[in-house]
């Protein structure tokens, strides 16, 4: 099974206008200038911060600069312990990392 990855930076570079975009928080939608000016037909955007990686636009028009790394065993165990504690407090379903 694949190990989940920790997002260190979530960023891309537009090959049309050269702008480097970085999404720093969840739902931090970052479009380049040409994406805005063209109404979304040219250029690119990134989104998600450190929660998820989301890129948009023509893949030929941007370069992914994001960096990720696997969670350590300690980080995985801490995450799972927190999920179990929270699920007990609020009755949520548990999503454990393997």
C-alpha atoms as a PDB file:
ATOM      1  CA  UNK A   1       0.000   0.000   0.000  1.00  0.00           C
ATOM      2  CA  UNK A   2       1.218   3.500  -0.796  1.00  0.00           C
ATOM      3  CA  UNK A   3       2.183   5.661   2.133  1.00  0.00           C
ATOM      4  CA  UNK A   4       0.376   9.003   2.413  1.00  0.00           C
ATOM      5  CA  UNK A   5       2.487  12.015   1.588  1.00  0.00           C
ATOM      6  CA  UNK A   6       2.918  15.240   3.546  1.00  0.00           C
ATOM      7  CA  UNK A   7       2.705  18.366   1.394  1.00  0.00           C
ATOM      8  CA  UNK A   8       5.637  20.679   2.078  1.00  0.00           C
ATOM      9  CA  UNK A   9       4.862  23.279  -0.620  1.00  0.00           C
ATOM     10  CA  UNK A  10       1.991  23.495  -3.107  1.00  0.00           C
ATOM     11  CA  UNK A  11       3.146  25.572  -6.055  1.00  0.00           C
ATOM     12  CA  UNK A  12       3.292  25.750  -9.844  1.00  0.00           C
ATOM     13  CA  UNK A  13       4.830  28.030 -12.482  1.00  0.00           C
ATOM     14  CA  UNK A  14       2.874  29.299 -15.477  1.00  0.00           C
ATOM     15  CA  UNK A  15       4.828  28.725 -18.687  1.00  0.00           C
ATOM     16  CA  UNK A  16       2.921  31.526 -20.436  1.00  0.00           C
ATOM     17  CA  UNK A  17       3.378  34.491 -18.072  1.00  0.00           C
ATOM     18  CA  UNK A  18       6.158  33.043 -15.888  1.00  0.00           C
ATOM     19  CA  UNK A  19       4.302  33.705 -12.650  1.00  0.00           C
ATOM     20  CA  UNK A  20       5.010  31.330  -9.744  1.00  0.00           C
ATOM     21  CA  UNK A  21       1.887  30.536  -7.730  1.00  0.00           C
ATOM     22  CA  UNK A  22       1.784  29.060  -4.232  1.00  0.00           C
ATOM     23  CA  UNK A  23      -1.330  27.986  -2.362  1.00  0.00           C
ATOM     24  CA  UNK A  24      -0.580  28.250   1.353  1.00  0.00           C
ATOM     25  CA  UNK A  25      -3.829  27.201   3.026  1.00  0.00           C
ATOM     26  CA  UNK A  26      -6.773  24.940   2.225  1.00  0.00           C
ATOM     27  CA  UNK A  27      -9.065  26.597  -0.375  1.00  0.00           C
ATOM     28  CA  UNK A  28      -6.378  29.228  -1.143  1.00  0.00           C
ATOM     29  CA  UNK A  29      -7.122  29.444  -4.893  1.00  0.00           C
ATOM     30  CA  UNK A  30      -4.201  31.101  -6.712  1.00  0.00           C
ATOM     31  CA  UNK A  31      -4.687  31.892 -10.443  1.00  0.00           C
ATOM     32  CA  UNK A  32      -2.009  33.422 -12.643  1.00  0.00           C
ATOM     33  CA  UNK A  33      -2.540  36.739 -14.449  1.00  0.00           C
ATOM     34  CA  UNK A  34      -3.192  35.178 -17.847  1.00  0.00           C
ATOM     35  CA  UNK A  35      -5.757  32.760 -16.349  1.00  0.00           C
ATOM     36  CA  UNK A  36      -7.713  35.732 -14.972  1.00  0.00           C
ATOM     37  CA  UNK A  37      -7.384  37.852 -18.126  1.00  0.00           C
ATOM     38  CA  UNK A  38      -8.457  35.002 -20.421  1.00  0.00           C
ATOM     39  CA  UNK A  39     -11.423  33.977 -18.291  1.00  0.00           C
ATOM     40  CA  UNK A  40      -9.828  30.609 -17.578  1.00  0.00           C
ATOM     41  CA  UNK A  41      -8.988  29.584 -21.149  1.00  0.00           C
ATOM     42  CA  UNK A  42      -5.211  30.189 -20.826  1.00  0.00           C
ATOM     43  CA  UNK A  43      -2.772  29.901 -17.954  1.00  0.00           C
ATOM     44  CA  UNK A  44      -3.184  27.944 -14.737  1.00  0.00           C
ATOM     45  CA  UNK A  45      -4.058  27.896 -11.053  1.00  0.00           C
ATOM     46  CA  UNK A  46      -3.200  25.952  -7.916  1.00  0.00           C
ATOM     47  CA  UNK A  47      -5.287  25.305  -4.821  1.00  0.00           C
ATOM     48  CA  UNK A  48      -5.322  23.302  -1.605  1.00  0.00           C
ATOM     49  CA  UNK A  49      -2.434  24.562   0.495  1.00  0.00           C
ATOM     50  CA  UNK A  50      -1.013  21.709   2.547  1.00  0.00           C
ATOM     51  CA  UNK A  51      -4.356  19.868   2.655  1.00  0.00           C
ATOM     52  CA  UNK A  52      -4.456  18.695  -0.991  1.00  0.00           C
ATOM     53  CA  UNK A  53      -2.808  19.339  -4.369  1.00  0.00           C
ATOM     54  CA  UNK A  54      -5.072  20.762  -7.064  1.00  0.00           C
ATOM     55  CA  UNK A  55      -3.859  22.250 -10.329  1.00  0.00           C
ATOM     56  CA  UNK A  56      -5.876  23.558 -13.248  1.00  0.00           C
ATOM     57  CA  UNK A  57      -5.380  24.681 -16.790  1.00  0.00           C
ATOM     58  CA  UNK A  58      -3.662  22.957 -19.670  1.00  0.00           C
ATOM     59  CA  UNK A  59      -0.903  20.708 -18.212  1.00  0.00           C
ATOM     60  CA  UNK A  60       1.378  21.838 -21.056  1.00  0.00           C
ATOM     61  CA  UNK A  61       1.080  25.428 -19.788  1.00  0.00           C
ATOM     62  CA  UNK A  62       2.381  24.910 -16.233  1.00  0.00           C
ATOM     63  CA  UNK A  63       5.236  23.266 -14.368  1.00  0.00           C
ATOM     64  CA  UNK A  64       4.584  21.660 -10.980  1.00  0.00           C
ATOM     65  CA  UNK A  65       6.989  22.901  -8.307  1.00  0.00           C
ATOM     66  CA  UNK A  66       5.282  21.289  -5.288  1.00  0.00           C
ATOM     67  CA  UNK A  67       7.325  19.269  -2.838  1.00  0.00           C
ATOM     68  CA  UNK A  68       6.058  16.308  -0.816  1.00  0.00           C
ATOM     69  CA  UNK A  69       7.529  13.659   1.473  1.00  0.00           C
ATOM     70  CA  UNK A  70       6.205  10.505   3.145  1.00  0.00           C
ATOM     71  CA  UNK A  71       4.890  10.831   6.676  1.00  0.00           C
ATOM     72  CA  UNK A  72       7.265   9.320   9.234  1.00  0.00           C
ATOM     73  CA  UNK A  73       6.057   6.422  11.372  1.00  0.00           C
ATOM     74  CA  UNK A  74       5.852   8.780  14.351  1.00  0.00           C
ATOM     75  CA  UNK A  75       3.767  11.346  12.421  1.00  0.00           C
ATOM     76  CA  UNK A  76       1.471   8.563  11.175  1.00  0.00           C
ATOM     77  CA  UNK A  77       0.975   7.195  14.694  1.00  0.00           C
ATOM     78  CA  UNK A  78       0.280  10.689  16.108  1.00  0.00           C
ATOM     79  CA  UNK A  79      -2.259  11.321  13.326  1.00  0.00           C
ATOM     80  CA  UNK A  80      -4.033   8.014  14.003  1.00  0.00           C
ATOM     81  CA  UNK A  81      -4.131   8.626  17.772  1.00  0.00           C
ATOM     82  CA  UNK A  82      -5.632  12.094  17.181  1.00  0.00           C
ATOM     83  CA  UNK A  83      -8.243  10.686  14.769  1.00  0.00           C
ATOM     84  CA  UNK A  84      -9.277   8.003  17.275  1.00  0.00           C
ATOM     85  CA  UNK A  85      -9.535  10.561  20.106  1.00  0.00           C
ATOM     86  CA  UNK A  86     -11.597  12.991  18.001  1.00  0.00           C
ATOM     87  CA  UNK A  87     -13.882  10.253  16.668  1.00  0.00           C
ATOM     88  CA  UNK A  88     -14.638   9.170  20.242  1.00  0.00           C
ATOM     89  CA  UNK A  89     -15.430  12.737  21.297  1.00  0.00           C
ATOM     90  CA  UNK A  90     -17.623  13.590  18.315  1.00  0.00           C
ATOM     91  CA  UNK A  91     -18.749  10.206  16.996  1.00  0.00           C
ATOM     92  CA  UNK A  92     -17.082  10.679  13.611  1.00  0.00           C
ATOM     93  CA  UNK A  93     -15.923   7.870  11.376  1.00  0.00           C
ATOM     94  CA  UNK A  94     -12.208   7.194  11.743  1.00  0.00           C
ATOM     95  CA  UNK A  95      -9.896   7.659   8.731  1.00  0.00           C
ATOM     96  CA  UNK A  96      -6.630   6.049   9.793  1.00  0.00           C
ATOM     97  CA  UNK A  97      -3.374   6.350   7.897  1.00  0.00           C
ATOM     98  CA  UNK A  98      -1.652   3.062   7.039  1.00  0.00           C
END
